[in-house]
Amino acid sequence: MTTIAPEDSLIEYPSDFPIKVMGKVHPEFAQLLTELVLQFDPAFDPTTVEMRPSKGGNYIGLTFTVRATSREQLDELYRALHGHHLVSIVL
């Protein structure tokens, strides 16, 4: 894995950073992923989660705007979300 120096990053830290997650509709989808996000950003406000159902109602999209403090934090959060069994896509 290539390490990117902080001065080469396109993101300035700290900053608010939106992460979009999609998965099949599940009654605990939002709650479980919010708990996961809170592990990486303890100050995250769960009331700010944006939810959008798909046209057919089979999938749901969530947007979490986290306080990004480092590249490592974002990388670890992306890996954790991507590895969750209910998640189909992380952007």
N, C-alpha and C. Protein backbone atom coordinates (compact mmCIF):
# COMPACT_ATOMS: atom_id res chain seq x y z
N MET A 1 0.84 -1.18 0.00
CA MET A 1 0.00 0.00 0.00
C MET A 1 0.89 1.24 0.00
N THR A 2 0.56 2.21 -0.83
CA THR A 2 1.33 3.44 -0.93
C THR A 2 0.89 4.43 0.13
N THR A 3 1.87 5.04 0.78
CA THR A 3 1.57 6.05 1.78
C THR A 3 1.60 7.43 1.12
N ILE A 4 0.58 8.22 1.38
CA ILE A 4 0.50 9.57 0.82
C ILE A 4 0.87 10.56 1.91
N ALA A 5 1.83 11.40 1.61
CA ALA A 5 2.26 12.41 2.58
C ALA A 5 1.14 13.42 2.78
N PRO A 6 0.98 13.95 4.02
CA PRO A 6 -0.09 14.91 4.29
C PRO A 6 -0.10 16.10 3.33
N GLU A 7 1.08 16.54 2.91
CA GLU A 7 1.13 17.69 2.00
C GLU A 7 0.67 17.34 0.59
N ASP A 8 0.57 16.05 0.26
CA ASP A 8 0.10 15.61 -1.05
C ASP A 8 -1.39 15.26 -1.07
N SER A 9 -2.05 15.33 0.07
CA SER A 9 -3.46 15.00 0.16
C SER A 9 -4.31 16.13 -0.42
N LEU A 10 -5.42 15.76 -1.05
CA LEU A 10 -6.35 16.75 -1.58
C LEU A 10 -7.33 17.22 -0.51
N ILE A 11 -7.29 16.57 0.64
CA ILE A 11 -8.19 16.91 1.75
C ILE A 11 -7.38 17.61 2.83
N GLU A 12 -7.92 18.71 3.33
CA GLU A 12 -7.30 19.38 4.47
C GLU A 12 -7.92 18.83 5.74
N TYR A 13 -7.09 18.52 6.70
CA TYR A 13 -7.57 17.98 7.98
C TYR A 13 -7.39 19.00 9.07
N PRO A 14 -8.31 19.08 9.99
CA PRO A 14 -9.61 18.41 10.02
C PRO A 14 -10.61 19.08 9.08
N SER A 15 -11.59 18.29 8.63
CA SER A 15 -12.65 18.83 7.78
C SER A 15 -13.85 17.90 7.83
N ASP A 16 -15.01 18.44 7.48
CA ASP A 16 -16.22 17.62 7.40
C ASP A 16 -16.19 16.90 6.06
N PHE A 17 -16.43 15.59 6.10
CA PHE A 17 -16.27 14.76 4.91
C PHE A 17 -17.47 13.83 4.76
N PRO A 18 -18.22 13.93 3.65
CA PRO A 18 -19.38 13.05 3.46
C PRO A 18 -18.96 11.68 2.94
N ILE A 19 -19.57 10.64 3.51
CA ILE A 19 -19.36 9.27 3.06
C ILE A 19 -20.73 8.69 2.75
N LYS A 20 -20.88 8.18 1.53
CA LYS A 20 -22.16 7.60 1.11
C LYS A 20 -22.04 6.08 1.15
N VAL A 21 -23.09 5.45 1.70
CA VAL A 21 -23.13 4.00 1.85
C VAL A 21 -24.47 3.50 1.32
N MET A 22 -24.42 2.41 0.55
CA MET A 22 -25.66 1.80 0.05
C MET A 22 -25.71 0.34 0.43
N GLY A 23 -26.92 -0.13 0.68
CA GLY A 23 -27.11 -1.54 0.99
C GLY A 23 -28.58 -1.90 0.86
N LYS A 24 -28.85 -3.20 0.92
CA LYS A 24 -30.25 -3.65 0.86
C LYS A 24 -30.98 -3.19 2.11
N VAL A 25 -32.26 -2.93 1.96
CA VAL A 25 -33.08 -2.49 3.08
C VAL A 25 -33.04 -3.56 4.17
N HIS A 26 -32.76 -3.11 5.38
CA HIS A 26 -32.69 -3.98 6.56
C HIS A 26 -33.13 -3.12 7.74
N PRO A 27 -33.93 -3.64 8.65
CA PRO A 27 -34.46 -2.82 9.74
C PRO A 27 -33.39 -2.16 10.62
N GLU A 28 -32.20 -2.73 10.69
CA GLU A 28 -31.16 -2.17 11.56
C GLU A 28 -30.00 -1.54 10.78
N PHE A 29 -30.16 -1.38 9.46
CA PHE A 29 -29.07 -0.89 8.61
C PHE A 29 -28.50 0.44 9.13
N ALA A 30 -29.36 1.44 9.28
CA ALA A 30 -28.89 2.76 9.70
C ALA A 30 -28.28 2.73 11.10
N GLN A 31 -28.92 2.03 12.02
CA GLN A 31 -28.43 1.97 13.40
C GLN A 31 -27.06 1.30 13.48
N LEU A 32 -26.90 0.17 12.82
CA LEU A 32 -25.63 -0.56 12.87
C LEU A 32 -24.49 0.24 12.26
N LEU A 33 -24.76 0.90 11.14
CA LEU A 33 -23.70 1.67 10.50
C LEU A 33 -23.40 2.96 11.26
N THR A 34 -24.39 3.54 11.88
CA THR A 34 -24.15 4.72 12.72
C THR A 34 -23.24 4.34 13.88
N GLU A 35 -23.49 3.20 14.49
CA GLU A 35 -22.63 2.74 15.58
C GLU A 35 -21.20 2.53 15.10
N LEU A 36 -21.04 2.02 13.89
CA LEU A 36 -19.71 1.82 13.31
C LEU A 36 -19.01 3.16 13.08
N VAL A 37 -19.73 4.12 12.51
CA VAL A 37 -19.17 5.45 12.26
C VAL A 37 -18.73 6.11 13.57
N LEU A 38 -19.52 5.95 14.61
CA LEU A 38 -19.19 6.54 15.91
C LEU A 38 -17.88 6.00 16.49
N GLN A 39 -17.48 4.81 16.10
CA GLN A 39 -16.20 4.26 16.55
C GLN A 39 -15.03 5.06 15.99
N PHE A 40 -15.22 5.67 14.82
CA PHE A 40 -14.15 6.42 14.17
C PHE A 40 -14.28 7.93 14.36
N ASP A 41 -15.49 8.38 14.69
CA ASP A 41 -15.76 9.80 14.95
C ASP A 41 -16.74 9.88 16.12
N PRO A 42 -16.22 9.80 17.35
CA PRO A 42 -17.09 9.79 18.54
C PRO A 42 -17.99 11.01 18.67
N ALA A 43 -17.65 12.11 18.02
CA ALA A 43 -18.46 13.33 18.09
C ALA A 43 -19.54 13.36 17.00
N PHE A 44 -19.61 12.33 16.17
CA PHE A 44 -20.60 12.29 15.09
C PHE A 44 -22.01 12.39 15.66
N ASP A 45 -22.84 13.21 15.02
CA ASP A 45 -24.22 13.40 15.45
C ASP A 45 -25.15 12.52 14.61
N PRO A 46 -25.69 11.44 15.19
CA PRO A 46 -26.54 10.52 14.43
C PRO A 46 -27.77 11.17 13.80
N THR A 47 -28.20 12.31 14.32
CA THR A 47 -29.38 12.97 13.75
C THR A 47 -29.09 13.60 12.39
N THR A 48 -27.81 13.65 11.99
CA THR A 48 -27.44 14.24 10.71
C THR A 48 -27.38 13.24 9.57
N VAL A 49 -27.62 11.95 9.85
CA VAL A 49 -27.58 10.93 8.80
C VAL A 49 -28.68 11.21 7.79
N GLU A 50 -28.30 11.27 6.52
CA GLU A 50 -29.28 11.45 5.45
C GLU A 50 -29.62 10.08 4.89
N MET A 51 -30.92 9.80 4.72
CA MET A 51 -31.37 8.51 4.20
C MET A 51 -32.17 8.72 2.92
N ARG A 52 -31.87 7.88 1.92
CA ARG A 52 -32.59 7.95 0.65
C ARG A 52 -32.88 6.52 0.17
N PRO A 53 -34.15 6.17 0.07
CA PRO A 53 -34.49 4.85 -0.47
C PRO A 53 -34.34 4.84 -1.99
N SER A 54 -34.08 3.66 -2.54
CA SER A 54 -34.01 3.53 -4.00
C SER A 54 -35.43 3.61 -4.57
N LYS A 55 -35.51 3.79 -5.89
CA LYS A 55 -36.83 3.87 -6.53
C LYS A 55 -37.67 2.64 -6.25
N GLY A 56 -37.06 1.47 -6.33
CA GLY A 56 -37.80 0.23 -6.13
C GLY A 56 -38.01 -0.12 -4.67
N GLY A 57 -37.35 0.61 -3.77
CA GLY A 57 -37.51 0.36 -2.35
C GLY A 57 -36.72 -0.83 -1.82
N ASN A 58 -35.85 -1.40 -2.64
CA ASN A 58 -35.06 -2.55 -2.20
C ASN A 58 -33.74 -2.16 -1.54
N TYR A 59 -33.26 -0.96 -1.83
CA TYR A 59 -31.99 -0.48 -1.30
C TYR A 59 -32.19 0.84 -0.58
N ILE A 60 -31.23 1.16 0.27
CA ILE A 60 -31.25 2.45 0.95
C ILE A 60 -29.85 3.04 0.90
N GLY A 61 -29.80 4.34 0.71
CA GLY A 61 -28.53 5.06 0.71
C GLY A 61 -28.45 5.93 1.95
N LEU A 62 -27.31 5.91 2.60
CA LEU A 62 -27.07 6.75 3.78
C LEU A 62 -25.88 7.65 3.50
N THR A 63 -25.95 8.88 3.98
CA THR A 63 -24.81 9.78 3.92
C THR A 63 -24.43 10.16 5.33
N PHE A 64 -23.18 9.87 5.69
CA PHE A 64 -22.61 10.24 6.99
C PHE A 64 -21.60 11.33 6.74
N THR A 65 -21.77 12.50 7.34
CA THR A 65 -20.77 13.55 7.23
C THR A 65 -19.96 13.53 8.52
N VAL A 66 -18.75 12.98 8.40
CA VAL A 66 -17.88 12.79 9.56
C VAL A 66 -16.86 13.90 9.64
N ARG A 67 -16.29 14.06 10.80
CA ARG A 67 -15.19 15.01 11.00
C ARG A 67 -13.91 14.24 10.74
N ALA A 68 -13.34 14.44 9.56
CA ALA A 68 -12.11 13.74 9.18
C ALA A 68 -10.91 14.43 9.83
N THR A 69 -10.15 13.66 10.57
CA THR A 69 -8.98 14.21 11.26
C THR A 69 -7.67 13.75 10.64
N SER A 70 -7.71 12.68 9.82
CA SER A 70 -6.49 12.19 9.17
C SER A 70 -6.85 11.24 8.03
N ARG A 71 -5.91 11.02 7.17
CA ARG A 71 -6.09 10.07 6.07
C ARG A 71 -6.29 8.66 6.64
N GLU A 72 -5.54 8.34 7.68
CA GLU A 72 -5.63 7.03 8.30
C GLU A 72 -7.04 6.77 8.85
N GLN A 73 -7.61 7.79 9.50
CA GLN A 73 -8.96 7.65 10.04
C GLN A 73 -9.95 7.34 8.92
N LEU A 74 -9.89 8.09 7.82
CA LEU A 74 -10.81 7.87 6.70
C LEU A 74 -10.60 6.50 6.07
N ASP A 75 -9.34 6.11 5.88
CA ASP A 75 -9.05 4.80 5.29
C ASP A 75 -9.62 3.67 6.15
N GLU A 76 -9.43 3.76 7.45
CA GLU A 76 -9.93 2.73 8.36
C GLU A 76 -11.45 2.69 8.38
N LEU A 77 -12.08 3.87 8.35
CA LEU A 77 -13.54 3.93 8.32
C LEU A 77 -14.08 3.32 7.02
N TYR A 78 -13.47 3.67 5.88
CA TYR A 78 -13.89 3.09 4.61
C TYR A 78 -13.76 1.58 4.62
N ARG A 79 -12.64 1.07 5.15
CA ARG A 79 -12.44 -0.39 5.21
C ARG A 79 -13.50 -1.05 6.09
N ALA A 80 -13.79 -0.44 7.23
CA ALA A 80 -14.79 -1.00 8.15
C ALA A 80 -16.18 -1.01 7.52
N LEU A 81 -16.55 0.08 6.86
CA LEU A 81 -17.86 0.14 6.21
C LEU A 81 -17.93 -0.86 5.06
N HIS A 82 -16.91 -0.88 4.24
CA HIS A 82 -16.88 -1.78 3.08
C HIS A 82 -16.93 -3.24 3.52
N GLY A 83 -16.35 -3.55 4.65
CA GLY A 83 -16.32 -4.92 5.14
C GLY A 83 -17.58 -5.36 5.86
N HIS A 84 -18.48 -4.43 6.11
CA HIS A 84 -19.72 -4.79 6.83
C HIS A 84 -20.62 -5.61 5.91
N HIS A 85 -21.19 -6.68 6.44
CA HIS A 85 -21.97 -7.61 5.63
C HIS A 85 -23.24 -7.02 5.03
N LEU A 86 -23.75 -5.91 5.56
CA LEU A 86 -24.97 -5.30 5.02
C LEU A 86 -24.69 -4.26 3.94
N VAL A 87 -23.42 -3.89 3.76
CA VAL A 87 -23.05 -2.80 2.86
C VAL A 87 -22.73 -3.35 1.46
N SER A 88 -23.31 -2.70 0.45
CA SER A 88 -23.03 -3.05 -0.95
C SER A 88 -21.99 -2.13 -1.56
N ILE A 89 -22.11 -0.82 -1.29
CA ILE A 89 -21.23 0.18 -1.91
C ILE A 89 -20.88 1.26 -0.89
N VAL A 90 -19.62 1.71 -0.93
CA VAL A 90 -19.19 2.86 -0.13
C VAL A 90 -18.53 3.86 -1.07
N LEU A 91 -18.98 5.09 -1.03
CA LEU A 91 -18.41 6.16 -1.88
C LEU A 91 -17.91 7.29 -1.01
